[in-house]
N, C-alpha and C. Protein backbone atom coordinates (compact mmCIF):
# COMPACT_ATOMS: atom_id res chain seq x y z
N MET A 1 125.44 102.69 82.50
CA MET A 1 125.05 102.13 83.77
C MET A 1 123.50 102.29 84.00
N SER A 2 122.87 101.20 84.16
CA SER A 2 121.39 101.21 84.40
C SER A 2 121.18 101.93 85.90
N LYS A 3 120.03 102.57 85.99
CA LYS A 3 119.68 103.04 87.28
C LYS A 3 119.23 101.86 88.21
N TYR A 4 119.01 100.72 87.79
CA TYR A 4 118.70 99.59 88.53
C TYR A 4 119.96 98.78 88.76
N GLU A 5 121.06 99.02 88.35
CA GLU A 5 122.24 98.17 88.50
C GLU A 5 122.52 97.84 89.95
N PRO A 6 122.36 98.75 90.93
CA PRO A 6 122.61 98.27 92.30
C PRO A 6 121.75 97.34 92.84
N LEU A 7 120.49 97.30 92.35
CA LEU A 7 119.73 96.18 92.69
C LEU A 7 120.05 94.79 91.97
N TRP A 8 120.57 94.84 90.83
CA TRP A 8 121.08 93.55 90.18
C TRP A 8 122.37 93.14 90.93
N GLU A 9 123.11 94.12 91.26
CA GLU A 9 124.45 93.78 91.93
C GLU A 9 124.17 93.16 93.31
N TYR A 10 123.20 93.68 94.02
CA TYR A 10 122.64 93.22 95.30
C TYR A 10 122.20 91.70 95.06
N LEU A 11 121.43 91.43 94.17
CA LEU A 11 120.99 90.04 93.96
C LEU A 11 122.20 89.10 93.62
N LYS A 12 123.03 89.56 92.76
CA LYS A 12 124.22 88.67 92.37
C LYS A 12 125.20 88.47 93.49
N ASN A 13 125.51 89.46 94.19
CA ASN A 13 126.47 89.32 95.37
C ASN A 13 125.95 88.59 96.57
N ASN A 14 124.68 88.49 96.79
CA ASN A 14 124.12 87.64 97.91
C ASN A 14 123.88 86.22 97.38
N GLY A 15 123.61 86.10 96.10
CA GLY A 15 123.59 84.78 95.55
C GLY A 15 122.55 83.83 95.99
N LYS A 16 121.43 84.33 96.72
CA LYS A 16 120.45 83.29 96.90
C LYS A 16 119.78 82.89 95.80
N GLN A 17 119.10 81.66 96.05
CA GLN A 17 118.36 81.04 94.80
C GLN A 17 116.93 81.79 94.37
N SER A 18 116.47 82.53 95.36
CA SER A 18 115.33 83.31 95.15
C SER A 18 115.30 84.41 96.27
N TYR A 19 114.56 85.47 95.71
CA TYR A 19 114.31 86.65 96.71
C TYR A 19 112.82 86.86 96.57
N LYS A 20 112.33 87.55 97.62
CA LYS A 20 110.91 88.05 97.81
C LYS A 20 111.24 89.41 98.46
N LEU A 21 111.39 90.45 97.65
CA LEU A 21 111.73 91.79 98.14
C LEU A 21 110.59 92.75 98.16
N SER A 22 110.36 93.51 99.34
CA SER A 22 109.22 94.42 99.23
C SER A 22 109.72 95.68 98.54
N TYR A 23 108.72 96.51 98.04
CA TYR A 23 109.02 97.78 97.50
C TYR A 23 109.93 98.69 98.27
N LYS A 24 109.82 98.58 99.63
CA LYS A 24 110.57 99.55 100.59
C LYS A 24 111.97 98.87 100.64
N GLU A 25 112.18 97.57 100.57
CA GLU A 25 113.44 96.90 100.56
C GLU A 25 114.26 97.32 99.22
N ILE A 26 113.52 97.38 98.31
CA ILE A 26 114.12 97.74 96.88
C ILE A 26 114.49 99.20 96.95
N LYS A 27 113.63 100.02 97.50
CA LYS A 27 113.90 101.42 97.71
C LYS A 27 115.18 101.66 98.47
N ASP A 28 115.34 100.97 99.51
CA ASP A 28 116.53 100.96 100.42
C ASP A 28 117.85 100.59 99.70
N ILE A 29 117.78 99.60 98.86
CA ILE A 29 118.92 99.36 97.96
C ILE A 29 119.21 100.37 96.92
N LEU A 30 118.14 100.78 96.23
CA LEU A 30 118.37 101.84 95.05
C LEU A 30 118.53 103.19 95.53
N GLY A 31 117.77 103.58 96.57
CA GLY A 31 117.88 104.97 97.06
C GLY A 31 116.59 105.70 96.48
N PHE A 32 115.80 104.99 95.60
CA PHE A 32 114.59 105.67 95.06
C PHE A 32 113.54 104.69 94.93
N GLU A 33 112.30 104.95 94.80
CA GLU A 33 111.37 103.95 94.61
C GLU A 33 111.13 103.39 93.11
N ILE A 34 110.86 102.12 92.99
CA ILE A 34 110.68 101.67 91.55
C ILE A 34 109.46 102.34 90.92
N ASP A 35 109.32 102.42 89.61
CA ASP A 35 108.46 102.98 88.98
C ASP A 35 108.04 102.15 87.78
N HIS A 36 107.22 102.61 86.97
CA HIS A 36 106.81 101.96 85.63
C HIS A 36 107.89 101.52 84.88
N SER A 37 109.04 102.23 84.80
CA SER A 37 110.19 101.97 84.01
C SER A 37 110.80 100.65 84.34
N PHE A 38 110.60 100.17 85.63
CA PHE A 38 111.02 98.94 86.11
C PHE A 38 110.69 97.74 85.18
N LEU A 39 109.57 97.88 84.55
CA LEU A 39 109.14 96.84 83.60
C LEU A 39 109.89 96.81 82.40
N THR A 40 110.45 97.99 81.92
CA THR A 40 111.52 97.93 80.85
C THR A 40 112.87 97.45 81.26
N TYR A 41 113.24 97.77 82.54
CA TYR A 41 114.56 97.39 82.88
C TYR A 41 114.77 95.95 83.46
N LYS A 42 113.68 95.42 83.86
CA LYS A 42 113.68 94.12 84.49
C LYS A 42 114.45 93.04 83.63
N LYS A 43 114.51 93.19 82.28
CA LYS A 43 115.32 92.17 81.67
C LYS A 43 116.80 92.09 81.86
N GLU A 44 117.31 93.32 82.38
CA GLU A 44 118.59 93.55 82.69
C GLU A 44 119.15 92.54 83.82
N ALA A 45 118.11 91.94 84.56
CA ALA A 45 118.37 91.05 85.62
C ALA A 45 119.13 89.72 85.15
N LYS A 46 118.69 89.48 83.85
CA LYS A 46 119.37 88.13 83.27
C LYS A 46 120.86 88.21 83.18
N GLU A 47 121.28 89.55 82.99
CA GLU A 47 122.77 89.62 82.90
C GLU A 47 123.44 89.27 84.14
N TYR A 48 122.78 89.46 85.23
CA TYR A 48 123.36 88.98 86.60
C TYR A 48 122.86 87.67 87.15
N GLY A 49 122.27 86.93 86.28
CA GLY A 49 121.87 85.60 86.74
C GLY A 49 120.49 85.39 87.33
N TYR A 50 119.68 86.52 87.18
CA TYR A 50 118.37 86.49 87.86
C TYR A 50 117.22 86.84 86.71
N GLU A 51 116.02 86.43 87.11
CA GLU A 51 114.95 86.89 86.40
C GLU A 51 113.98 87.48 87.36
N VAL A 52 113.22 88.40 87.02
CA VAL A 52 112.12 88.90 87.72
C VAL A 52 110.87 88.06 87.51
N GLY A 53 110.43 87.56 88.71
CA GLY A 53 109.16 86.82 88.60
C GLY A 53 108.06 87.59 88.84
N LYS A 54 107.13 87.20 89.73
CA LYS A 54 105.92 87.88 90.03
C LYS A 54 106.10 89.30 90.59
N ILE A 55 105.43 90.19 90.08
CA ILE A 55 105.36 91.58 90.67
C ILE A 55 104.06 91.70 91.31
N ALA A 56 103.91 91.66 92.49
CA ALA A 56 102.65 91.71 93.28
C ALA A 56 102.35 93.19 93.66
N MET A 57 101.59 93.72 92.88
CA MET A 57 101.37 95.22 93.24
C MET A 57 100.66 95.52 94.37
N LYS A 58 99.64 94.64 94.70
CA LYS A 58 98.74 94.87 95.77
C LYS A 58 99.55 94.62 97.16
N GLU A 59 100.42 93.61 97.14
CA GLU A 59 101.31 93.30 98.20
C GLU A 59 102.52 94.09 98.38
N LYS A 60 102.80 94.78 97.24
CA LYS A 60 104.13 95.58 97.05
C LYS A 60 105.33 94.85 97.27
N MET A 61 105.33 93.55 96.61
CA MET A 61 106.40 92.63 96.61
C MET A 61 106.95 92.20 95.05
N VAL A 62 108.30 92.00 95.05
CA VAL A 62 108.66 91.41 93.73
C VAL A 62 109.49 90.26 93.93
N ASN A 63 109.39 89.22 93.17
CA ASN A 63 110.04 87.90 93.29
C ASN A 63 111.19 87.93 92.26
N PHE A 64 112.33 87.55 92.61
CA PHE A 64 113.49 87.23 91.71
C PHE A 64 113.81 85.82 92.02
N ASN A 65 114.29 85.11 90.83
CA ASN A 65 114.74 83.80 90.76
C ASN A 65 116.04 83.72 90.01
N LYS A 66 116.85 82.89 90.58
CA LYS A 66 118.26 82.61 89.89
C LYS A 66 117.90 81.68 88.61
N THR A 67 118.57 82.19 87.60
CA THR A 67 118.39 81.46 86.30
C THR A 67 119.49 80.41 86.10
């Protein structure tokens, strides 16, 4: 099980077409802050029907889109 699985499950279970989540919202879902490893794990989102879009580091936001 990936440490990011709770985030992927959250996206899948809510079923929205797209999400724009702040780093804080992601921390609330996961229980920890995302780090550089997120770049490695982001490909897992495809298994749950989503892809990671833009990661806005300055705004501390991540976009997710349904595939």
